[in-house]
Protein backbone atom coordinates (compact mmCIF):
# COMPACT_ATOMS: atom_id res chain seq x y z
CA MET A 1 81.21 183.18 24.75
CA ASN A 2 82.37 186.68 24.00
CA LYS A 3 79.87 188.13 26.40
CA ILE A 4 80.91 185.90 29.23
CA LEU A 5 84.63 186.79 28.63
CA ALA A 6 83.65 190.52 28.76
CA TYR A 7 81.77 189.94 32.01
CA LEU A 8 84.79 188.39 33.49
CA THR A 9 86.81 191.27 32.43
CA VAL A 10 84.62 193.46 34.15
CA ALA A 11 84.70 191.34 37.23
CA ALA A 12 88.47 191.24 37.35
CA PHE A 13 88.30 195.16 37.08
CA PHE A 14 86.20 195.23 40.08
CA ALA A 15 88.37 192.81 41.91
CA GLY A 16 91.45 195.08 41.44
CA CYS A 17 89.52 197.87 43.20
CA ALA A 18 89.28 195.83 46.44
CA THR A 19 92.81 196.44 47.90
CA ALA A 20 93.57 198.16 51.22
CA PRO A 21 96.40 199.97 52.77
CA THR A 22 98.97 197.87 54.33
CA GLY A 23 99.69 200.14 57.66
CA PRO A 24 97.81 202.07 60.19
CA ARG A 25 95.82 205.00 59.31
CA VAL A 26 96.19 206.60 62.77
CA ALA A 27 98.65 209.24 63.99
CA VAL A 28 100.76 208.31 67.12
CA MET A 29 103.26 210.40 68.56
CA PRO A 30 106.22 209.53 70.85
CA ALA A 31 105.94 210.21 74.48
CA PRO A 32 107.93 213.37 75.56
CA GLY A 33 111.66 212.43 76.04
CA LYS A 34 111.10 209.12 74.52
CA PRO A 35 114.12 208.59 71.91
CA PHE A 36 112.91 208.16 68.30
CA GLU A 37 114.81 204.64 67.99
CA VAL A 38 112.62 203.44 70.92
CA PHE A 39 109.52 204.88 69.40
CA MET A 40 110.37 203.17 66.06
CA ALA A 41 110.97 199.73 67.84
CA ASP A 42 107.50 200.36 69.76
CA GLU A 43 105.83 201.04 66.18
CA GLN A 44 107.06 197.84 64.72
CA VAL A 45 106.05 195.64 67.49
CA CYS A 46 102.73 197.22 67.48
CA ARG A 47 102.17 196.68 63.85
CA ASN A 48 103.01 192.97 64.27
CA TYR A 49 100.51 192.96 67.30
CA ALA A 50 97.83 194.70 65.08
CA GLN A 51 98.28 192.31 62.27
CA GLN A 52 98.02 189.10 64.57
CA ALA A 53 94.87 190.89 66.30
CA VAL A 54 93.11 190.99 63.06
CA GLY A 55 93.98 187.49 62.03
CA GLN A 56 94.18 188.17 58.40
CA THR A 57 95.27 190.86 56.04
CA ARG A 58 93.03 193.40 54.91
CA ASP A 59 93.34 192.53 51.45
CA ASP A 60 92.21 189.05 52.31
CA ALA A 61 89.15 189.97 53.87
CA ALA A 62 88.29 192.11 50.79
CA ALA A 63 89.12 189.14 48.41
CA GLN A 64 87.01 186.65 50.11
CA ASN A 65 84.03 188.82 50.29
CA PHE A 66 84.29 189.74 46.50
CA ALA A 67 84.86 186.02 45.44
CA GLY A 68 81.91 184.95 47.40
CA ALA A 69 79.48 187.48 46.11
CA ALA A 70 80.68 186.86 42.53
CA ALA A 71 80.02 183.17 42.88
CA LEU A 72 76.58 183.44 44.45
CA GLY A 73 75.58 186.02 41.88
CA THR A 74 76.63 183.79 39.03
CA ALA A 75 74.69 180.76 40.72
CA VAL A 76 71.49 182.86 41.16
CA GLY A 77 71.72 184.30 37.70
CA ALA A 78 72.24 180.90 36.02
CA THR A 79 69.40 179.43 38.07
CA ALA A 80 66.99 182.37 37.15
CA GLY A 81 68.06 182.24 33.60
CA ALA A 82 67.24 178.45 33.30
CA LEU A 83 64.05 178.78 34.90
CA THR A 84 62.77 181.56 32.72
CA GLY A 85 64.04 180.59 29.42
CA GLY A 86 66.04 177.23 29.21
CA HIS A 87 69.64 176.49 28.55
CA ASP A 88 70.56 179.51 26.50
CA SER A 89 69.01 181.88 29.23
CA ALA A 90 70.98 179.98 31.71
CA ALA A 91 74.38 181.08 30.26
CA GLY A 92 72.95 184.72 29.87
CA GLY A 93 71.66 184.74 33.31
CA ALA A 94 74.91 183.33 34.74
CA ALA A 95 76.82 186.21 32.92
CA ALA A 96 74.34 188.70 34.18
CA GLY A 97 74.60 187.35 37.66
CA LEU A 98 78.42 187.40 37.51
CA VAL A 99 78.37 190.94 36.62
CA ALA A 100 75.80 191.89 39.42
CA GLY A 101 77.60 189.60 41.88
CA SER A 102 80.71 191.25 41.11
CA MET A 103 79.27 194.78 41.62
CA ILE A 104 77.96 193.69 44.90
CA GLY A 105 81.18 191.84 45.71
CA ALA A 106 83.10 195.11 45.04
CA GLY A 107 81.03 196.89 47.71
CA GLU A 108 80.99 194.03 50.15
CA SER A 109 84.91 193.75 49.79
CA ALA A 110 85.26 197.42 50.22
CA ASN A 111 83.22 197.06 53.68
CA ALA A 112 85.08 194.19 54.74
CA SER A 113 88.53 195.83 54.09
CA ARG A 114 87.20 199.01 56.01
CA ASP A 115 86.19 196.70 58.87
CA ALA A 116 89.53 194.96 59.04
CA GLN A 117 91.44 198.38 58.71
CA ARG A 118 89.33 199.75 61.56
CA ARG A 119 90.07 196.67 63.77
CA TYR A 120 93.84 196.98 62.84
CA ASP A 121 93.98 200.53 63.72
CA ILE A 122 92.13 200.03 67.17
CA ALA A 123 94.62 197.28 67.99
CA TYR A 124 97.63 199.34 66.82
CA GLU A 125 96.39 202.34 69.00
CA GLN A 126 96.03 200.22 72.06
CA CYS A 127 99.54 198.73 71.54
CA MET A 128 101.04 202.06 71.19
CA TYR A 129 99.16 203.65 74.11
CA ALA A 130 100.16 200.87 76.36
CA LYS A 131 103.83 201.50 75.51
CA GLY A 132 103.44 204.98 76.63
CA ASN A 133 103.10 206.80 73.32
CA GLN A 134 100.69 209.57 72.69
CA ILE A 135 97.49 209.23 70.73
CA PRO A 136 96.35 212.76 69.29
CA GLY A 137 92.99 213.75 71.01
CA VAL A 138 93.34 211.24 73.86
CA PRO A 139 94.66 213.09 77.02
CA GLN A 140 97.63 211.38 78.76
CA PRO A 141 96.97 210.31 82.29
CA ARG A 142 98.93 212.53 84.81
CA TYR A 143 100.75 211.13 87.64
CA TYR A 144 100.44 213.03 90.89
CA PRO A 145 102.95 211.91 93.59
CA PRO A 146 101.44 211.37 97.07
CA PRO A 147 101.68 214.30 99.41
CA PRO A 148 104.77 214.33 101.66
CA PRO A 149 104.52 212.54 104.89
CA ARG A 150 103.64 214.80 107.99
């Protein structure tokens, strides 16, 4: 029982590592001549848009993948332990499976968090660009007025 408690503590530690930032990781600058207050209003609208576009928070995506991998690891470990050595081995296998599943889950939750952050950043950049703000590294389209009539 103490081993299982120790394994659960390790799993909880790995779950705590699966957090993600709560905002964009990209730089956006206001358009030349745009008042900062208007830029801040655009920024808030685009944060909300990006959150809706992703559909879930980045932490939710990470937690779902972590929990799924930990549960699957526990089930596989218990089954393997039972098949190889009976009831006592099933508990040990479940504990080992929980640890292995937690380690895999930590990696998977990091991947899910990174993917959700990437989708969030893309939606945020699209919104801010559509509102006329500048994305560093992306050239601004230039407007060339039509030639004067002859």
